Amino acid sequence: MRVMNAMDFFVRELDELLSVERTLMQGYRGMREQAHDPRLGQLLGERLQAAEEHVLNLRLAFEQLGREPLGEASPGASGIVEGYRLTSRRLERPELADLLITGAALRAASYEVAGYMGLMELARDTRLARVVGLLRENLDDEVAFSQRLANLSVHLARRLWEAEDGGQAEPRAS
């Protein structure tokens, strides 16, 4: 698609986020299967449900704009998922998977938050006001997920360090 004006640019960015959501859903499915901590598995299950709602909101935004999704792939989201997959094959210990998962999911959520924030800025134009609520709902959910995931990540990291060091030493650089 050629980008000729601000609306074209907005639609292109909206399409990017739709692709991001779909791509990350696939990644989250794989991560959930490899998660060892039940809280992480549950959180990823909730994330999958939320991502489905995000996709519906984005499709509704397209409808409200009278446009169709372009269906272009998101290289950024694909890179996050592929990076996770490549690294997961190199893990020597299964308990490291949960830290890899939380790191990849945090990167993914940050990518989504940045995308939604950018769209929110573009949507300040009154012609786009009808989609702002949908974008805000998705953005707020991504921020809440990031916070929950970050808290869990800290807990998982501490637990791993304590198991390795018997709780006696501070984490050290290798």
Protein backbone atom coordinates (compact mmCIF):
# COMPACT_ATOMS: atom_id res chain seq x y z
CA MET A 1 0.00 0.00 0.00
CA ARG A 2 1.24 3.42 -0.90
CA VAL A 3 0.97 5.92 1.93
CA MET A 4 -0.36 9.14 0.44
CA ASN A 5 -1.82 10.98 3.44
CA ALA A 6 -2.34 10.91 7.21
CA MET A 7 -5.29 8.50 7.00
CA ASP A 8 -3.27 6.08 4.88
CA PHE A 9 -0.49 6.27 7.45
CA PHE A 10 -2.95 5.62 10.29
CA VAL A 11 -4.44 2.62 8.48
CA ARG A 12 -0.97 1.24 7.81
CA GLU A 13 -0.05 1.57 11.49
CA LEU A 14 -3.38 0.02 12.53
CA ASP A 15 -2.67 -2.89 10.19
CA GLU A 16 0.80 -3.26 11.73
CA LEU A 17 -0.75 -3.65 15.18
CA LEU A 18 -3.25 -6.20 13.89
CA SER A 19 -0.35 -8.22 12.50
CA VAL A 20 1.59 -7.79 15.75
CA GLU A 21 -1.33 -9.13 17.79
CA ARG A 22 -1.77 -12.15 15.51
CA THR A 23 1.94 -12.94 15.37
CA LEU A 24 2.38 -12.65 19.12
CA MET A 25 -0.63 -14.88 19.75
CA GLN A 26 1.26 -17.66 17.99
CA GLY A 27 4.34 -16.93 20.04
CA TYR A 28 2.39 -16.88 23.30
CA ARG A 29 0.92 -20.30 22.52
CA GLY A 30 4.40 -21.78 22.23
CA MET A 31 5.58 -19.99 25.33
CA ARG A 32 2.62 -21.24 27.34
CA GLU A 33 3.45 -24.82 26.33
CA GLN A 34 7.03 -24.41 27.55
CA ALA A 35 6.23 -22.54 30.77
CA HIS A 36 7.08 -24.44 33.96
CA ASP A 37 5.66 -22.05 36.52
CA PRO A 38 1.86 -22.46 36.68
CA ARG A 39 1.35 -18.72 37.28
CA LEU A 40 3.24 -17.96 34.10
CA GLY A 41 1.19 -20.49 32.16
CA GLN A 42 -2.01 -18.96 33.51
CA LEU A 43 -0.85 -15.43 32.70
CA LEU A 44 0.00 -16.45 29.14
CA GLY A 45 -3.40 -18.11 28.80
CA GLU A 46 -5.02 -14.87 29.89
CA ARG A 47 -2.79 -13.02 27.42
CA LEU A 48 -4.02 -15.21 24.59
CA GLN A 49 -7.64 -14.40 25.44
CA ALA A 50 -6.83 -10.70 25.67
CA ALA A 51 -5.01 -10.80 22.33
CA GLU A 52 -8.12 -12.29 20.72
CA GLU A 53 -10.12 -9.36 22.10
CA HIS A 54 -7.45 -6.95 20.84
CA VAL A 55 -7.78 -8.43 17.36
CA LEU A 56 -11.54 -7.97 17.51
CA ASN A 57 -11.11 -4.35 18.63
CA LEU A 58 -8.68 -3.66 15.79
CA ARG A 59 -10.99 -5.27 13.24
CA LEU A 60 -13.83 -3.13 14.61
CA ALA A 61 -11.61 -0.06 14.25
CA PHE A 62 -11.11 -0.93 10.58
CA GLU A 63 -14.87 -1.30 10.17
CA GLN A 64 -15.51 2.05 11.83
CA LEU A 65 -13.03 3.66 9.46
CA GLY A 66 -14.59 1.95 6.45
CA ARG A 67 -11.27 0.30 5.59
CA GLU A 68 -10.01 -3.25 5.21
CA PRO A 69 -6.89 -4.67 6.89
CA LEU A 70 -3.94 -4.87 4.53
CA GLY A 71 -2.67 -8.17 5.88
CA GLU A 72 1.00 -7.21 5.85
CA ALA A 73 3.38 -9.06 8.17
CA SER A 74 5.08 -7.39 11.12
CA PRO A 75 8.85 -7.93 10.96
CA GLY A 76 9.26 -6.59 14.51
CA ALA A 77 6.82 -9.02 16.10
CA SER A 78 8.16 -11.89 14.00
CA GLY A 79 11.66 -11.05 15.21
CA ILE A 80 10.62 -11.18 18.85
CA VAL A 81 8.97 -14.58 18.39
CA GLU A 82 11.84 -15.97 16.33
CA GLY A 83 14.41 -14.71 18.84
CA TYR A 84 12.53 -16.51 21.59
CA ARG A 85 12.39 -19.74 19.56
CA LEU A 86 16.08 -19.69 18.71
CA THR A 87 17.17 -19.05 22.27
CA SER A 88 14.76 -21.65 23.70
CA ARG A 89 16.61 -24.33 21.73
CA ARG A 90 19.88 -23.36 23.42
CA LEU A 91 18.71 -23.66 27.01
CA GLU A 92 20.61 -26.30 28.93
CA ARG A 93 18.21 -26.30 31.87
CA PRO A 94 14.41 -26.27 31.58
CA GLU A 95 13.94 -23.92 34.53
CA LEU A 96 15.61 -21.18 32.48
CA ALA A 97 12.66 -21.29 30.08
CA ASP A 98 10.44 -19.25 32.39
CA LEU A 99 12.95 -16.39 32.45
CA LEU A 100 13.31 -16.54 28.69
CA ILE A 101 9.54 -16.49 28.32
CA THR A 102 9.06 -13.52 30.63
CA GLY A 103 11.81 -11.60 28.85
CA ALA A 104 10.36 -12.28 25.40
CA ALA A 105 6.82 -11.50 26.56
CA LEU A 106 7.98 -8.24 28.15
CA ARG A 107 9.70 -7.24 24.90
CA ALA A 108 6.53 -8.11 22.99
CA ALA A 109 4.29 -6.15 25.35
CA SER A 110 6.62 -3.14 25.17
CA TYR A 111 6.48 -3.30 21.38
CA GLU A 112 2.69 -3.34 21.52
CA VAL A 113 2.50 -0.52 24.06
CA ALA A 114 4.69 1.65 21.83
CA GLY A 115 2.50 0.86 18.83
CA TYR A 116 -0.72 1.67 20.64
CA MET A 117 0.73 4.88 22.08
CA GLY A 118 1.75 5.99 18.60
CA LEU A 119 -1.71 5.26 17.24
CA MET A 120 -3.31 7.13 20.13
CA GLU A 121 -1.29 10.20 19.22
CA LEU A 122 -2.35 9.92 15.59
CA ALA A 123 -5.97 9.34 16.63
CA ARG A 124 -6.19 12.69 18.39
CA ASP A 125 -7.49 14.02 15.09
CA THR A 126 -11.26 14.33 15.42
CA ARG A 127 -11.87 12.20 12.31
CA LEU A 128 -10.42 9.24 14.22
CA ALA A 129 -12.19 9.83 17.53
CA ARG A 130 -14.50 6.84 16.95
CA VAL A 131 -11.59 4.39 17.27
CA VAL A 132 -9.83 5.98 20.24
CA GLY A 133 -11.81 3.98 22.82
CA LEU A 134 -10.90 0.70 21.14
CA LEU A 135 -7.22 1.63 21.05
CA ARG A 136 -7.29 2.86 24.66
CA GLU A 137 -8.82 -0.43 25.81
CA ASN A 138 -6.04 -2.41 24.13
CA LEU A 139 -3.32 -0.07 25.39
CA ASP A 140 -4.54 -0.20 28.98
CA ASP A 141 -4.63 -3.99 28.85
CA GLU A 142 -1.07 -4.17 27.48
CA VAL A 143 0.21 -1.90 30.25
CA ALA A 144 -1.52 -3.98 32.94
CA PHE A 145 -0.13 -7.21 31.44
CA SER A 146 3.38 -5.73 31.38
CA GLN A 147 3.17 -4.86 35.06
CA ARG A 148 1.91 -8.30 36.07
CA LEU A 149 4.54 -10.00 33.93
CA ALA A 150 7.36 -7.83 35.30
CA ASN A 151 6.35 -8.67 38.87
CA LEU A 152 6.29 -12.37 38.08
CA SER A 153 9.63 -12.13 36.29
CA VAL A 154 11.28 -10.65 39.39
CA HIS A 155 9.91 -13.49 41.50
CA LEU A 156 11.08 -16.16 39.03
CA ALA A 157 14.56 -14.65 38.78
CA ARG A 158 14.95 -14.50 42.55
CA ARG A 159 13.81 -18.09 42.90
CA LEU A 160 16.32 -19.25 40.28
CA TRP A 161 19.21 -17.37 41.89
CA GLU A 162 18.33 -18.73 45.31
CA ALA A 163 18.21 -22.27 43.96
CA GLU A 164 21.62 -21.86 42.32
CA ASP A 165 23.30 -20.10 45.22
CA GLY A 166 21.42 -21.59 48.12
CA GLY A 167 20.07 -18.09 48.78
CA GLN A 168 23.49 -16.93 49.99
CA ALA A 169 24.87 -14.85 47.15
CA GLU A 170 23.76 -11.88 45.11
CA PRO A 171 23.41 -12.48 41.35
CA ARG A 172 26.75 -12.05 39.67
CA ALA A 173 27.71 -11.22 36.12
CA SER A 174 29.21 -14.00 34.08
